[in-house]
N, C-alpha and C. Protein backbone atom coordinates (compact mmCIF):
# COMPACT_ATOMS: atom_id res chain seq x y z
N MET A 1 18.37 6.57 3.62
CA MET A 1 18.99 5.44 4.12
C MET A 1 19.13 4.36 3.03
N THR A 2 20.16 4.43 2.28
CA THR A 2 20.45 3.39 1.23
C THR A 2 21.52 2.49 1.77
N ALA A 3 21.21 1.16 1.66
CA ALA A 3 22.18 0.21 2.00
C ALA A 3 23.38 0.27 1.08
N PRO A 4 24.61 -0.08 1.57
CA PRO A 4 25.82 -0.07 0.71
C PRO A 4 25.66 -0.98 -0.50
N HIS A 5 24.99 -2.09 -0.27
CA HIS A 5 24.74 -3.03 -1.41
C HIS A 5 23.27 -3.41 -1.35
N GLN A 6 22.65 -3.54 -2.49
CA GLN A 6 21.24 -3.82 -2.54
C GLN A 6 21.06 -5.29 -2.90
N GLN A 7 20.17 -5.91 -2.18
CA GLN A 7 19.84 -7.34 -2.44
C GLN A 7 18.34 -7.40 -2.73
N CYS A 8 17.97 -8.34 -3.50
CA CYS A 8 16.56 -8.51 -3.88
C CYS A 8 15.89 -9.45 -2.81
N LEU A 9 14.73 -8.99 -2.40
CA LEU A 9 13.91 -9.78 -1.46
C LEU A 9 12.55 -9.92 -2.12
N ILE A 10 12.04 -11.15 -2.22
CA ILE A 10 10.80 -11.39 -2.87
C ILE A 10 9.75 -11.59 -1.80
N LEU A 11 8.67 -10.76 -1.90
CA LEU A 11 7.57 -10.89 -0.99
C LEU A 11 6.33 -11.16 -1.84
N ASP A 12 5.40 -11.98 -1.24
CA ASP A 12 4.12 -12.15 -1.98
C ASP A 12 3.26 -10.90 -1.74
N ALA A 13 2.15 -10.81 -2.39
CA ALA A 13 1.33 -9.59 -2.37
C ALA A 13 0.85 -9.28 -0.94
N ASP A 14 0.49 -10.35 -0.15
CA ASP A 14 0.04 -10.10 1.16
C ASP A 14 1.08 -9.57 2.12
N GLN A 15 2.31 -10.13 1.97
CA GLN A 15 3.44 -9.71 2.75
C GLN A 15 3.76 -8.25 2.38
N LEU A 16 3.71 -7.92 1.12
CA LEU A 16 3.98 -6.52 0.75
C LEU A 16 2.94 -5.59 1.28
N ASP A 17 1.67 -5.98 1.19
CA ASP A 17 0.60 -5.11 1.78
C ASP A 17 0.82 -4.89 3.30
N GLU A 18 1.23 -5.98 3.98
CA GLU A 18 1.45 -5.88 5.38
C GLU A 18 2.63 -5.03 5.76
N LEU A 19 3.69 -5.11 5.05
CA LEU A 19 4.85 -4.29 5.24
C LEU A 19 4.55 -2.83 4.99
N ARG A 20 3.84 -2.55 3.91
CA ARG A 20 3.41 -1.22 3.63
C ARG A 20 2.56 -0.64 4.66
N ARG A 21 1.63 -1.47 5.18
CA ARG A 21 0.73 -1.02 6.28
C ARG A 21 1.50 -0.69 7.57
N LEU A 22 2.40 -1.57 7.94
CA LEU A 22 3.19 -1.38 9.12
C LEU A 22 4.10 -0.14 9.00
N LEU A 23 4.74 0.07 7.92
CA LEU A 23 5.63 1.22 7.75
C LEU A 23 4.75 2.47 7.76
N GLY A 24 3.63 2.46 7.11
CA GLY A 24 2.71 3.63 7.07
C GLY A 24 2.18 3.99 8.45
N THR A 25 1.89 2.96 9.24
CA THR A 25 1.35 3.14 10.56
C THR A 25 2.41 3.78 11.49
N VAL A 26 3.65 3.32 11.41
CA VAL A 26 4.70 3.92 12.23
C VAL A 26 4.97 5.32 11.76
N GLU A 27 4.98 5.60 10.48
CA GLU A 27 5.20 6.96 10.00
C GLU A 27 4.09 7.84 10.50
N ASP A 28 2.81 7.42 10.40
CA ASP A 28 1.67 8.25 10.83
C ASP A 28 1.77 8.54 12.35
N TRP A 29 2.09 7.45 13.09
CA TRP A 29 2.22 7.66 14.59
C TRP A 29 3.33 8.69 14.90
N LEU A 30 4.46 8.61 14.20
CA LEU A 30 5.50 9.54 14.44
C LEU A 30 5.14 10.97 14.03
N LEU A 31 4.38 11.07 12.98
CA LEU A 31 3.92 12.40 12.52
C LEU A 31 2.99 13.09 13.56
N HIS A 32 2.37 12.28 14.38
CA HIS A 32 1.39 12.80 15.37
C HIS A 32 1.98 12.68 16.80
N ALA A 33 3.24 12.23 16.91
CA ALA A 33 3.86 12.05 18.22
C ALA A 33 4.21 13.39 18.88
N SER A 34 4.30 13.37 20.23
CA SER A 34 4.63 14.60 20.96
C SER A 34 6.12 14.92 20.70
N PHE A 35 6.45 16.18 21.08
CA PHE A 35 7.83 16.63 20.95
C PHE A 35 8.74 15.75 21.82
N GLU A 36 8.24 15.31 22.97
CA GLU A 36 9.07 14.53 23.88
C GLU A 36 9.40 13.17 23.22
N VAL A 37 8.46 12.56 22.59
CA VAL A 37 8.70 11.30 21.91
C VAL A 37 9.67 11.48 20.80
N LEU A 38 9.53 12.55 20.00
CA LEU A 38 10.45 12.76 18.88
C LEU A 38 11.87 13.11 19.40
N ASP A 39 11.92 13.83 20.56
CA ASP A 39 13.25 14.05 21.13
C ASP A 39 13.93 12.77 21.61
N ASP A 40 13.12 11.83 22.13
CA ASP A 40 13.66 10.55 22.56
C ASP A 40 14.12 9.79 21.39
N LEU A 41 13.37 9.80 20.31
CA LEU A 41 13.74 9.12 19.09
C LEU A 41 15.02 9.71 18.51
N ALA A 42 15.14 10.99 18.50
CA ALA A 42 16.31 11.69 17.99
C ALA A 42 17.55 11.32 18.83
N ALA A 43 17.43 11.25 20.09
CA ALA A 43 18.54 10.93 20.92
C ALA A 43 18.93 9.46 20.71
N PHE A 44 17.89 8.53 20.51
CA PHE A 44 18.14 7.15 20.29
C PHE A 44 18.91 6.95 18.98
N LEU A 45 18.49 7.70 17.93
CA LEU A 45 19.16 7.51 16.63
C LEU A 45 20.59 8.10 16.70
N ALA A 46 20.76 9.18 17.41
CA ALA A 46 22.14 9.75 17.54
C ALA A 46 23.01 8.79 18.31
N GLY A 47 22.46 8.12 19.27
CA GLY A 47 23.22 7.10 20.06
C GLY A 47 23.61 5.90 19.25
N LEU A 48 22.93 5.65 18.16
CA LEU A 48 23.26 4.57 17.24
C LEU A 48 24.27 5.00 16.18
N SER A 49 24.68 6.23 16.30
CA SER A 49 25.62 6.85 15.32
C SER A 49 25.13 6.90 13.93
N TRP A 50 23.80 7.11 13.77
CA TRP A 50 23.24 7.24 12.47
C TRP A 50 23.59 8.56 11.83
N GLY A 51 24.04 9.52 12.69
CA GLY A 51 24.07 10.90 12.35
C GLY A 51 25.13 11.38 11.40
N GLY A 52 26.34 11.03 11.61
CA GLY A 52 27.45 11.63 10.91
C GLY A 52 27.43 13.15 11.30
N TRP A 53 27.17 13.94 10.34
CA TRP A 53 27.13 15.42 10.57
C TRP A 53 25.74 15.98 10.91
N ARG A 54 24.66 15.14 10.81
CA ARG A 54 23.29 15.59 11.03
C ARG A 54 22.97 15.74 12.50
N THR A 55 22.13 16.67 12.88
CA THR A 55 21.70 16.83 14.19
C THR A 55 20.75 15.75 14.60
N PRO A 56 20.56 15.47 15.84
CA PRO A 56 19.56 14.46 16.27
C PRO A 56 18.13 14.72 15.65
N GLU A 57 17.76 16.02 15.65
CA GLU A 57 16.44 16.34 15.15
C GLU A 57 16.32 16.00 13.62
N GLN A 58 17.41 16.25 12.91
CA GLN A 58 17.46 15.89 11.48
C GLN A 58 17.31 14.42 11.31
N LEU A 59 17.95 13.64 12.17
CA LEU A 59 17.85 12.22 12.07
C LEU A 59 16.42 11.71 12.23
N ALA A 60 15.73 12.28 13.21
CA ALA A 60 14.35 11.86 13.44
C ALA A 60 13.49 12.26 12.19
N THR A 61 13.69 13.43 11.73
CA THR A 61 12.96 13.96 10.60
C THR A 61 13.25 13.10 9.37
N ASP A 62 14.48 12.71 9.17
CA ASP A 62 14.88 11.92 8.03
C ASP A 62 14.29 10.53 8.10
N LEU A 63 14.22 9.94 9.29
CA LEU A 63 13.60 8.63 9.44
C LEU A 63 12.15 8.67 9.12
N ILE A 64 11.46 9.71 9.59
CA ILE A 64 10.05 9.82 9.27
C ILE A 64 9.85 9.97 7.74
N ALA A 65 10.63 10.78 7.13
CA ALA A 65 10.56 10.93 5.69
C ALA A 65 10.87 9.59 4.96
N ASP A 66 11.91 8.88 5.42
CA ASP A 66 12.23 7.56 4.81
C ASP A 66 11.09 6.57 4.95
N LEU A 67 10.39 6.61 6.07
CA LEU A 67 9.30 5.66 6.25
C LEU A 67 8.18 6.03 5.20
N GLY A 68 7.91 7.33 5.09
CA GLY A 68 6.91 7.72 4.13
C GLY A 68 7.26 7.41 2.68
N GLU A 69 8.55 7.57 2.36
CA GLU A 69 8.96 7.20 1.01
C GLU A 69 8.90 5.73 0.80
N ALA A 70 9.33 4.93 1.78
CA ALA A 70 9.23 3.49 1.62
C ALA A 70 7.80 3.00 1.46
N THR A 71 6.90 3.67 2.19
CA THR A 71 5.48 3.29 2.07
C THR A 71 4.93 3.59 0.62
N LEU A 72 5.36 4.70 0.10
CA LEU A 72 4.94 5.00 -1.32
C LEU A 72 5.55 4.11 -2.27
N THR A 73 6.83 3.79 -2.08
CA THR A 73 7.58 2.95 -3.01
C THR A 73 6.93 1.53 -3.08
N LEU A 74 6.43 1.09 -1.97
CA LEU A 74 5.85 -0.27 -1.90
C LEU A 74 4.40 -0.35 -2.41
N ARG A 75 3.82 0.84 -2.77
CA ARG A 75 2.48 0.77 -3.35
C ARG A 75 2.44 0.01 -4.66
N PRO A 76 1.43 -0.69 -4.96
CA PRO A 76 1.38 -1.36 -6.28
C PRO A 76 1.17 -0.33 -7.34
N THR A 77 1.66 -0.57 -8.52
CA THR A 77 1.49 0.35 -9.64
C THR A 77 0.02 0.29 -10.10
N PRO A 78 -0.47 1.35 -10.75
CA PRO A 78 -1.87 1.43 -11.09
C PRO A 78 -2.34 0.27 -11.93
N ASN A 79 -1.46 -0.36 -12.78
CA ASN A 79 -1.92 -1.47 -13.59
C ASN A 79 -1.56 -2.78 -12.99
N HIS A 80 -1.27 -2.80 -11.67
CA HIS A 80 -0.93 -4.01 -10.95
C HIS A 80 -2.24 -4.82 -10.71
N HIS A 81 -2.15 -6.11 -11.00
CA HIS A 81 -3.29 -6.94 -10.72
C HIS A 81 -2.79 -8.09 -9.89
N ARG A 82 -3.53 -8.40 -8.81
CA ARG A 82 -3.20 -9.55 -8.02
C ARG A 82 -3.53 -10.80 -8.83
N PRO A 83 -2.74 -11.81 -8.74
CA PRO A 83 -3.06 -13.07 -9.36
C PRO A 83 -4.21 -13.69 -8.58
N THR A 84 -5.10 -14.34 -9.28
CA THR A 84 -6.20 -14.96 -8.65
C THR A 84 -6.01 -16.47 -8.75
N THR A 85 -6.53 -17.20 -7.79
CA THR A 85 -6.40 -18.64 -7.83
C THR A 85 -7.65 -19.23 -8.55
N ALA A 86 -7.41 -20.06 -9.47
CA ALA A 86 -8.52 -20.71 -10.24
C ALA A 86 -9.53 -21.33 -9.28
N GLY A 87 -10.78 -21.09 -9.57
CA GLY A 87 -11.82 -21.75 -8.78
C GLY A 87 -12.22 -21.07 -7.48
N THR A 88 -11.65 -19.82 -7.33
CA THR A 88 -12.07 -19.07 -6.10
C THR A 88 -12.80 -17.84 -6.55
N SER A 89 -13.68 -17.35 -5.70
CA SER A 89 -14.40 -16.13 -6.07
C SER A 89 -14.06 -15.03 -5.14
């Protein structure tokens, strides 16, 4: 799911952590969801015309994969250091 045009959105470290946590939680829930829930999601996505040529099941699978990819993309790099505020411990 790539937007037709990309815009920059600046998040502070706490917002980024929260967004990553939320996306990861939804992805994890969907990975453990029942077939009925995934069928409902697939039908919902197909109803939104997300599909083009893809089947509803592919839409649901793609959404779960996209959530996982976004969660990984939002991880800080290994050499990422959070800025500290002077005078705090």
